[in-house]
Amino acid sequence: MIRFRQFVFRIIDRVKLTLTASNSRANQMENRLDQWNIRWEENKTGWHLKDVNCVLLNHGDLLLSEPSRRVLVPLCGKTLDLKWFYDGGHTVVGIEGIEMPIVDFFSEHDIPYVVEQFPDGKLYKSKDGRLLMYCCDLFKLNAAILGKFDAIWDRGSLVAIYEEDRENYAKLMKSVLAPDFRYLASIVQYTPTEKFSGPPRTIPTELLQELYGDVCEIKIVESIDRSQDEKVRNTWELDAMDEVVVLMTPKH
């Protein structure tokens, strides 16, 4: 009887630890979203470009191998890249944790939309169904909700997430890849210092291989020296930084 009670107590303790860990992660994610929400409200959005990303303009043909692709843009904010895909006749799906930039995007581009609720957030959808933006915690989504994608455009996403989330992030991205996918990523590489370690966080090529090498062929398309950029030199006080454009395709 005593042994049985001890066994029961051990089970209860494990359940408590699991619930505590789960709640801790949920609170951590909520705090992170709160931080990003404040930055949007205070217009501290230095990552938001006023034009379509030049990497996408220069290498978009590598990403979009055929017309009418289904494209995913994780942690999209209100990037003009979404409109670029949309105007090109593609179906584009964005994921963003903060509602403000999503509403701004549809308003600024005068795109009629509807809003649908789902258990972990909201789905903003254009009336023609070709532009969708999920407003929720990225890690609440899965392939069953999102479906499969012919293309993923990863600019400012992998470099923004915390190191401890990278493995789960890569698992999610790999789970939504269509068989003949193209995955274009713009990452940065530099030596972190006490003053600056991101975001954007450095992503060594070896890390990409570790995260994606099981299903992807990884090819460096371009490396751009950003060492003389004002923010790199004066704000982040880094000696050197490279922006590296990477194309990932199915591994055969």
C-alpha atoms as a PDB file:
ATOM      1  CA  MET A   1       0.000   0.000   0.000  1.00  0.00           C
ATOM      2  CA  ILE A   2       2.835   2.361   0.917  1.00  0.00           C
ATOM      3  CA  ARG A   3       4.621   1.603  -2.348  1.00  0.00           C
ATOM      4  CA  PHE A   4       1.436   2.246  -4.295  1.00  0.00           C
ATOM      5  CA  ARG A   5       1.009   5.654  -2.609  1.00  0.00           C
ATOM      6  CA  GLN A   6       4.623   6.522  -3.368  1.00  0.00           C
ATOM      7  CA  PHE A   7       4.046   5.552  -7.000  1.00  0.00           C
ATOM      8  CA  VAL A   8       0.930   7.729  -7.181  1.00  0.00           C
ATOM      9  CA  PHE A   9       2.748  10.677  -5.606  1.00  0.00           C
ATOM     10  CA  ARG A  10       5.563  10.330  -8.149  1.00  0.00           C
ATOM     11  CA  ILE A  11       3.055  10.392 -11.000  1.00  0.00           C
ATOM     12  CA  ILE A  12       1.392  13.496  -9.535  1.00  0.00           C
ATOM     13  CA  ASP A  13       4.775  15.221  -9.196  1.00  0.00           C
ATOM     14  CA  ARG A  14       5.595  14.473 -12.826  1.00  0.00           C
ATOM     15  CA  VAL A  15       2.258  15.860 -13.973  1.00  0.00           C
ATOM     16  CA  LYS A  16       2.859  19.014 -11.914  1.00  0.00           C
ATOM     17  CA  LEU A  17       6.304  19.452 -13.458  1.00  0.00           C
ATOM     18  CA  THR A  18       4.905  18.976 -16.954  1.00  0.00           C
ATOM     19  CA  LEU A  19       2.127  21.498 -16.345  1.00  0.00           C
ATOM     20  CA  THR A  20       4.589  23.949 -14.810  1.00  0.00           C
ATOM     21  CA  ALA A  21       6.923  23.662 -17.809  1.00  0.00           C
ATOM     22  CA  SER A  22       4.017  24.049 -20.225  1.00  0.00           C
ATOM     23  CA  ASN A  23       2.703  27.120 -18.415  1.00  0.00           C
ATOM     24  CA  SER A  24       6.189  28.581 -18.233  1.00  0.00           C
ATOM     25  CA  ARG A  25       6.640  28.246 -21.997  1.00  0.00           C
ATOM     26  CA  ALA A  26       3.200  29.729 -22.648  1.00  0.00           C
ATOM     27  CA  ASN A  27       4.004  32.698 -20.409  1.00  0.00           C
ATOM     28  CA  GLN A  28       7.391  33.092 -22.077  1.00  0.00           C
ATOM     29  CA  MET A  29       5.826  33.183 -25.539  1.00  0.00           C
ATOM     30  CA  GLU A  30       3.183  35.653 -24.356  1.00  0.00           C
ATOM     31  CA  ASN A  31       5.885  37.916 -22.951  1.00  0.00           C
ATOM     32  CA  ARG A  32       7.791  37.759 -26.238  1.00  0.00           C
ATOM     33  CA  LEU A  33       4.701  38.734 -28.201  1.00  0.00           C
ATOM     34  CA  ASP A  34       4.092  41.595 -25.766  1.00  0.00           C
ATOM     35  CA  GLN A  35       7.597  42.887 -26.459  1.00  0.00           C
ATOM     36  CA  TRP A  36       7.065  42.843 -30.219  1.00  0.00           C
ATOM     37  CA  ASN A  37       3.640  44.433 -29.798  1.00  0.00           C
ATOM     38  CA  ILE A  38       5.199  47.353 -27.910  1.00  0.00           C
ATOM     39  CA  ARG A  39       7.737  47.852 -30.680  1.00  0.00           C
ATOM     40  CA  TRP A  40       4.986  48.024 -33.295  1.00  0.00           C
ATOM     41  CA  GLU A  41       2.960  50.446 -31.174  1.00  0.00           C
ATOM     42  CA  GLU A  42       5.996  52.674 -30.625  1.00  0.00           C
ATOM     43  CA  ASN A  43       7.008  52.408 -34.296  1.00  0.00           C
ATOM     44  CA  LYS A  44      10.356  50.861 -33.375  1.00  0.00           C
ATOM     45  CA  THR A  45      10.346  48.609 -36.408  1.00  0.00           C
ATOM     46  CA  GLY A  46      13.758  49.041 -37.990  1.00  0.00           C
ATOM     47  CA  TRP A  47      13.435  45.665 -39.702  1.00  0.00           C
ATOM     48  CA  HIS A  48      10.439  46.821 -41.763  1.00  0.00           C
ATOM     49  CA  LEU A  49      11.481  47.868 -45.270  1.00  0.00           C
ATOM     50  CA  LYS A  50       9.625  50.529 -47.243  1.00  0.00           C
ATOM     51  CA  ASP A  51      10.190  48.617 -50.474  1.00  0.00           C
ATOM     52  CA  VAL A  52      10.143  45.009 -51.635  1.00  0.00           C
ATOM     53  CA  ASN A  53      13.244  43.215 -50.377  1.00  0.00           C
ATOM     54  CA  CYS A  54      16.060  43.499 -52.950  1.00  0.00           C
ATOM     55  CA  VAL A  55      17.051  39.859 -52.401  1.00  0.00           C
ATOM     56  CA  LEU A  56      13.561  38.799 -53.425  1.00  0.00           C
ATOM     57  CA  LEU A  57      13.650  41.045 -56.493  1.00  0.00           C
ATOM     58  CA  ASN A  58      17.054  39.668 -57.513  1.00  0.00           C
ATOM     59  CA  HIS A  59      16.427  35.982 -56.780  1.00  0.00           C
ATOM     60  CA  GLY A  60      12.659  35.572 -56.793  1.00  0.00           C
ATOM     61  CA  ASP A  61      12.885  33.536 -59.998  1.00  0.00           C
ATOM     62  CA  LEU A  62      14.779  30.846 -58.069  1.00  0.00           C
ATOM     63  CA  LEU A  63      11.975  30.673 -55.515  1.00  0.00           C
ATOM     64  CA  LEU A  64       9.052  30.756 -57.930  1.00  0.00           C
ATOM     65  CA  SER A  65       9.818  27.946 -60.343  1.00  0.00           C
ATOM     66  CA  GLU A  66       6.318  28.014 -61.852  1.00  0.00           C
ATOM     67  CA  PRO A  67       3.280  30.335 -61.968  1.00  0.00           C
ATOM     68  CA  SER A  68       0.595  30.280 -59.283  1.00  0.00           C
ATOM     69  CA  ARG A  69       2.777  29.001 -56.443  1.00  0.00           C
ATOM     70  CA  ARG A  70       1.596  28.687 -52.831  1.00  0.00           C
ATOM     71  CA  VAL A  71       4.050  30.767 -50.779  1.00  0.00           C
ATOM     72  CA  LEU A  72       4.659  30.970 -47.015  1.00  0.00           C
ATOM     73  CA  VAL A  73       6.169  34.066 -45.378  1.00  0.00           C
ATOM     74  CA  PRO A  74       6.766  33.348 -41.661  1.00  0.00           C
ATOM     75  CA  LEU A  75       6.923  36.251 -39.175  1.00  0.00           C
ATOM     76  CA  CYS A  76       5.890  38.537 -42.007  1.00  0.00           C
ATOM     77  CA  GLY A  77       4.947  41.773 -40.244  1.00  0.00           C
ATOM     78  CA  LYS A  78       3.463  43.955 -42.976  1.00  0.00           C
ATOM     79  CA  THR A  79       6.240  43.411 -45.493  1.00  0.00           C
ATOM     80  CA  LEU A  80       5.615  44.583 -49.045  1.00  0.00           C
ATOM     81  CA  ASP A  81       6.934  41.204 -50.141  1.00  0.00           C
ATOM     82  CA  LEU A  82       3.455  39.822 -49.435  1.00  0.00           C
ATOM     83  CA  LYS A  83       1.917  42.225 -51.962  1.00  0.00           C
ATOM     84  CA  TRP A  84       4.661  41.393 -54.473  1.00  0.00           C
ATOM     85  CA  PHE A  85       3.755  37.702 -54.343  1.00  0.00           C
ATOM     86  CA  TYR A  86       0.044  38.499 -54.421  1.00  0.00           C
ATOM     87  CA  ASP A  87       0.327  40.828 -57.418  1.00  0.00           C
ATOM     88  CA  GLY A  88       2.342  38.125 -59.181  1.00  0.00           C
ATOM     89  CA  GLY A  89      -0.660  35.821 -59.124  1.00  0.00           C
ATOM     90  CA  HIS A  90       0.540  33.578 -56.310  1.00  0.00           C
ATOM     91  CA  THR A  91      -1.312  32.497 -53.181  1.00  0.00           C
ATOM     92  CA  VAL A  92       0.579  33.877 -50.200  1.00  0.00           C
ATOM     93  CA  VAL A  93       0.240  32.957 -46.533  1.00  0.00           C
ATOM     94  CA  GLY A  94       1.809  35.082 -43.820  1.00  0.00           C
ATOM     95  CA  ILE A  95       2.273  34.301 -40.148  1.00  0.00           C
ATOM     96  CA  GLU A  96       2.502  37.158 -37.654  1.00  0.00           C
ATOM     97  CA  GLY A  97       2.101  37.220 -33.885  1.00  0.00           C
ATOM     98  CA  ILE A  98       0.973  40.859 -33.674  1.00  0.00           C
ATOM     99  CA  GLU A  99      -2.389  42.003 -34.999  1.00  0.00           C
ATOM    100  CA  MET A 100      -1.511  45.650 -35.665  1.00  0.00           C
ATOM    101  CA  PRO A 101       0.728  45.128 -38.743  1.00  0.00           C
ATOM    102  CA  ILE A 102      -1.784  42.680 -40.241  1.00  0.00           C
ATOM    103  CA  VAL A 103      -4.623  45.206 -40.034  1.00  0.00           C
ATOM    104  CA  ASP A 104      -2.262  47.908 -41.325  1.00  0.00           C
ATOM    105  CA  PHE A 105      -1.283  45.772 -44.298  1.00  0.00           C
ATOM    106  CA  PHE A 106      -4.814  45.182 -45.550  1.00  0.00           C
ATOM    107  CA  SER A 107      -5.739  48.813 -44.905  1.00  0.00           C
ATOM    108  CA  GLU A 108      -2.665  50.338 -46.555  1.00  0.00           C
ATOM    109  CA  HIS A 109      -3.120  48.241 -49.696  1.00  0.00           C
ATOM    110  CA  ASP A 110      -6.907  48.603 -49.754  1.00  0.00           C
ATOM    111  CA  ILE A 111      -7.477  44.852 -49.905  1.00  0.00           C
ATOM    112  CA  PRO A 112     -10.972  43.733 -48.788  1.00  0.00           C
ATOM    113  CA  TYR A 113     -10.773  40.971 -46.198  1.00  0.00           C
ATOM    114  CA  VAL A 114     -12.682  38.825 -43.740  1.00  0.00           C
ATOM    115  CA  VAL A 115     -11.586  37.638 -40.304  1.00  0.00           C
ATOM    116  CA  GLU A 116     -12.076  34.087 -39.065  1.00  0.00           C
ATOM    117  CA  GLN A 117     -11.462  32.862 -35.529  1.00  0.00           C
ATOM    118  CA  PHE A 118      -9.678  29.601 -34.822  1.00  0.00           C
ATOM    119  CA  PRO A 119      -8.719  28.116 -31.432  1.00  0.00           C
ATOM    120  CA  ASP A 120      -5.301  29.813 -31.150  1.00  0.00           C
ATOM    121  CA  GLY A 121      -5.814  33.061 -33.013  1.00  0.00           C
ATOM    122  CA  LYS A 122      -7.333  34.820 -36.015  1.00  0.00           C
ATOM    123  CA  LEU A 123      -7.091  34.332 -39.747  1.00  0.00           C
ATOM    124  CA  TYR A 124      -7.240  37.429 -41.943  1.00  0.00           C
ATOM    125  CA  LYS A 125      -8.158  36.486 -45.497  1.00  0.00           C
ATOM    126  CA  SER A 126      -8.629  38.477 -48.689  1.00  0.00           C
ATOM    127  CA  LYS A 127     -12.022  38.145 -50.338  1.00  0.00           C
ATOM    128  CA  ASP A 128     -10.476  36.235 -53.255  1.00  0.00           C
ATOM    129  CA  GLY A 129      -8.756  33.781 -50.879  1.00  0.00           C
ATOM    130  CA  ARG A 130      -5.244  34.288 -52.305  1.00  0.00           C
ATOM    131  CA  LEU A 131      -3.850  36.280 -49.381  1.00  0.00           C
ATOM    132  CA  LEU A 132      -4.042  34.844 -45.862  1.00  0.00           C
ATOM    133  CA  MET A 133      -2.397  36.092 -42.671  1.00  0.00           C
ATOM    134  CA  TYR A 134      -2.483  34.072 -39.478  1.00  0.00           C
ATOM    135  CA  CYS A 135      -2.360  36.165 -36.311  1.00  0.00           C
ATOM    136  CA  CYS A 136      -1.089  33.857 -33.594  1.00  0.00           C
ATOM    137  CA  ASP A 137       1.939  32.311 -31.945  1.00  0.00           C
ATOM    138  CA  LEU A 138       3.916  30.668 -34.756  1.00  0.00           C
ATOM    139  CA  PHE A 139       4.357  27.479 -32.745  1.00  0.00           C
ATOM    140  CA  LYS A 140       0.605  27.021 -32.350  1.00  0.00           C
ATOM    141  CA  LEU A 141       0.397  26.213 -36.067  1.00  0.00           C
ATOM    142  CA  ASN A 142       1.074  22.947 -37.860  1.00  0.00           C
ATOM    143  CA  ALA A 143       0.810  21.329 -41.281  1.00  0.00           C
ATOM    144  CA  ALA A 144      -2.803  20.324 -40.684  1.00  0.00           C
ATOM    145  CA  ILE A 145      -3.751  23.995 -40.309  1.00  0.00           C
ATOM    146  CA  LEU A 146      -1.374  25.544 -42.834  1.00  0.00           C
ATOM    147  CA  GLY A 147      -1.250  22.926 -45.557  1.00  0.00           C
ATOM    148  CA  LYS A 148       1.727  22.471 -47.910  1.00  0.00           C
ATOM    149  CA  PHE A 149       3.762  25.136 -49.678  1.00  0.00           C
ATOM    150  CA  ASP A 150       5.628  25.225 -52.965  1.00  0.00           C
ATOM    151  CA  ALA A 151       7.811  28.059 -51.690  1.00  0.00           C
ATOM    152  CA  ILE A 152       8.964  29.593 -48.416  1.00  0.00           C
ATOM    153  CA  TRP A 153      10.465  33.086 -48.256  1.00  0.00           C
ATOM    154  CA  ASP A 154      12.363  33.421 -44.974  1.00  0.00           C
ATOM    155  CA  ARG A 155      13.548  36.966 -44.460  1.00  0.00           C
ATOM    156  CA  GLY A 156      13.806  38.166 -40.865  1.00  0.00           C
ATOM    157  CA  SER A 157      12.262  35.018 -39.401  1.00  0.00           C
ATOM    158  CA  LEU A 158      14.964  32.447 -38.688  1.00  0.00           C
ATOM    159  CA  VAL A 159      17.305  35.283 -37.675  1.00  0.00           C
ATOM    160  CA  ALA A 160      14.704  36.674 -35.249  1.00  0.00           C
ATOM    161  CA  ILE A 161      13.664  33.627 -33.231  1.00  0.00           C
ATOM    162  CA  TYR A 162      15.444  32.588 -30.054  1.00  0.00           C
ATOM    163  CA  GLU A 163      18.171  29.953 -30.254  1.00  0.00           C
ATOM    164  CA  GLU A 164      16.176  27.497 -28.152  1.00  0.00           C
ATOM    165  CA  ASP A 165      13.290  27.692 -30.670  1.00  0.00           C
ATOM    166  CA  ARG A 166      15.317  27.013 -33.811  1.00  0.00           C
ATOM    167  CA  GLU A 167      14.868  23.258 -33.864  1.00  0.00           C
ATOM    168  CA  ASN A 168      11.089  23.490 -33.460  1.00  0.00           C
ATOM    169  CA  TYR A 169      10.998  26.243 -36.057  1.00  0.00           C
ATOM    170  CA  ALA A 170      12.876  24.120 -38.590  1.00  0.00           C
ATOM    171  CA  LYS A 171      10.621  21.138 -37.861  1.00  0.00           C
ATOM    172  CA  LEU A 172       7.552  23.278 -38.568  1.00  0.00           C
ATOM    173  CA  MET A 173       8.988  24.654 -41.802  1.00  0.00           C
ATOM    174  CA  LYS A 174      10.001  21.196 -43.037  1.00  0.00           C
ATOM    175  CA  SER A 175       6.577  19.773 -42.197  1.00  0.00           C
ATOM    176  CA  VAL A 176       4.816  22.167 -44.590  1.00  0.00           C
ATOM    177  CA  LEU A 177       7.094  21.699 -47.612  1.00  0.00           C
ATOM    178  CA  ALA A 178       5.514  20.368 -50.795  1.00  0.00           C
ATOM    179  CA  PRO A 179       7.467  17.635 -52.632  1.00  0.00           C
ATOM    180  CA  ASP A 180       9.048  19.999 -55.202  1.00  0.00           C
ATOM    181  CA  PHE A 181       9.629  22.931 -52.854  1.00  0.00           C
ATOM    182  CA  ARG A 182      11.896  25.957 -53.043  1.00  0.00           C
ATOM    183  CA  TYR A 183      13.002  27.612 -49.791  1.00  0.00           C
ATOM    184  CA  LEU A 184      14.802  30.953 -50.082  1.00  0.00           C
ATOM    185  CA  ALA A 185      16.322  32.396 -46.912  1.00  0.00           C
ATOM    186  CA  SER A 186      18.174  35.619 -46.233  1.00  0.00           C
ATOM    187  CA  ILE A 187      20.348  35.198 -43.144  1.00  0.00           C
ATOM    188  CA  VAL A 188      23.205  37.123 -41.540  1.00  0.00           C
ATOM    189  CA  GLN A 189      26.575  35.927 -40.324  1.00  0.00           C
ATOM    190  CA  TYR A 190      28.822  37.765 -37.882  1.00  0.00           C
ATOM    191  CA  THR A 191      30.735  37.297 -34.649  1.00  0.00           C
ATOM    192  CA  PRO A 192      28.455  38.202 -31.704  1.00  0.00           C
ATOM    193  CA  THR A 193      29.819  40.612 -29.088  1.00  0.00           C
ATOM    194  CA  GLU A 194      28.822  41.585 -25.565  1.00  0.00           C
ATOM    195  CA  LYS A 195      27.081  44.626 -27.046  1.00  0.00           C
ATOM    196  CA  PHE A 196      25.221  42.877 -29.842  1.00  0.00           C
ATOM    197  CA  SER A 197      24.117  39.321 -30.484  1.00  0.00           C
ATOM    198  CA  GLY A 198      20.833  40.033 -32.281  1.00  0.00           C
ATOM    199  CA  PRO A 199      18.253  40.064 -33.496  1.00  0.00           C
ATOM    200  CA  PRO A 200      19.073  39.606 -36.265  1.00  0.00           C
ATOM    201  CA  ARG A 201      20.955  36.626 -34.868  1.00  0.00           C
ATOM    202  CA  THR A 202      23.878  35.074 -36.682  1.00  0.00           C
ATOM    203  CA  ILE A 203      23.109  31.810 -38.500  1.00  0.00           C
ATOM    204  CA  PRO A 204      26.266  29.882 -39.420  1.00  0.00           C
ATOM    205  CA  THR A 205      26.070  27.776 -42.556  1.00  0.00           C
ATOM    206  CA  GLU A 206      26.814  24.717 -40.411  1.00  0.00           C
ATOM    207  CA  LEU A 207      23.697  25.411 -38.367  1.00  0.00           C
ATOM    208  CA  LEU A 208      21.557  25.503 -41.507  1.00  0.00           C
ATOM    209  CA  GLN A 209      22.964  22.109 -42.430  1.00  0.00           C
ATOM    210  CA  GLU A 210      22.146  20.790 -38.968  1.00  0.00           C
ATOM    211  CA  LEU A 211      18.587  22.134 -39.039  1.00  0.00           C
ATOM    212  CA  TYR A 212      17.636  21.430 -42.655  1.00  0.00           C
ATOM    213  CA  GLY A 213      20.255  19.107 -44.116  1.00  0.00           C
ATOM    214  CA  ASP A 214      18.180  15.978 -43.558  1.00  0.00           C
ATOM    215  CA  VAL A 215      15.671  17.000 -46.248  1.00  0.00           C
ATOM    216  CA  CYS A 216      17.296  19.915 -48.093  1.00  0.00           C
ATOM    217  CA  GLU A 217      20.111  20.545 -50.503  1.00  0.00           C
ATOM    218  CA  ILE A 218      21.597  23.850 -49.360  1.00  0.00           C
ATOM    219  CA  LYS A 219      23.179  26.243 -51.843  1.00  0.00           C
ATOM    220  CA  ILE A 220      24.624  29.702 -51.127  1.00  0.00           C
ATOM    221  CA  VAL A 221      23.305  31.954 -53.882  1.00  0.00           C
ATOM    222  CA  GLU A 222      24.922  35.234 -52.856  1.00  0.00           C
ATOM    223  CA  SER A 223      26.948  36.742 -50.040  1.00  0.00           C
ATOM    224  CA  ILE A 224      26.642  40.503 -49.479  1.00  0.00           C
ATOM    225  CA  ASP A 225      29.137  42.430 -47.329  1.00  0.00           C
ATOM    226  CA  ARG A 226      27.114  44.616 -44.942  1.00  0.00           C
ATOM    227  CA  SER A 227      30.111  45.701 -42.861  1.00  0.00           C
ATOM    228  CA  GLN A 228      29.870  49.339 -43.954  1.00  0.00           C
ATOM    229  CA  ASP A 229      26.125  49.685 -43.294  1.00  0.00           C
ATOM    230  CA  GLU A 230      25.488  52.467 -40.788  1.00  0.00           C
ATOM    231  CA  LYS A 231      23.517  50.282 -38.396  1.00  0.00           C
ATOM    232  CA  VAL A 232      26.158  47.533 -38.463  1.00  0.00           C
ATOM    233  CA  ARG A 233      29.030  49.939 -37.786  1.00  0.00           C
ATOM    234  CA  ASN A 234      27.487  52.587 -35.544  1.00  0.00           C
ATOM    235  CA  THR A 235      24.502  51.018 -33.787  1.00  0.00           C
ATOM    236  CA  TRP A 236      25.579  47.401 -33.399  1.00  0.00           C
ATOM    237  CA  GLU A 237      29.300  48.239 -33.441  1.00  0.00           C
ATOM    238  CA  LEU A 238      30.250  45.119 -35.373  1.00  0.00           C
ATOM    239  CA  ASP A 239      33.473  44.850 -37.343  1.00  0.00           C
ATOM    240  CA  ALA A 240      31.923  42.705 -40.038  1.00  0.00           C
ATOM    241  CA  MET A 241      28.600  41.247 -41.159  1.00  0.00           C
ATOM    242  CA  ASP A 242      27.584  39.304 -44.245  1.00  0.00           C
ATOM    243  CA  GLU A 243      24.069  38.859 -45.536  1.00  0.00           C
ATOM    244  CA  VAL A 244      23.929  35.384 -47.030  1.00  0.00           C
ATOM    245  CA  VAL A 245      21.231  34.313 -49.458  1.00  0.00           C
ATOM    246  CA  VAL A 246      20.540  30.586 -49.344  1.00  0.00           C
ATOM    247  CA  LEU A 247      18.383  28.433 -51.601  1.00  0.00           C
ATOM    248  CA  MET A 248      17.155  25.092 -50.252  1.00  0.00           C
ATOM    249  CA  THR A 249      15.677  22.444 -52.523  1.00  0.00           C
ATOM    250  CA  PRO A 250      14.632  18.786 -52.094  1.00  0.00           C
ATOM    251  CA  LYS A 251      17.430  16.402 -51.183  1.00  0.00           C
ATOM    252  CA  HIS A 252      17.689  13.467 -53.581  1.00  0.00           C
END
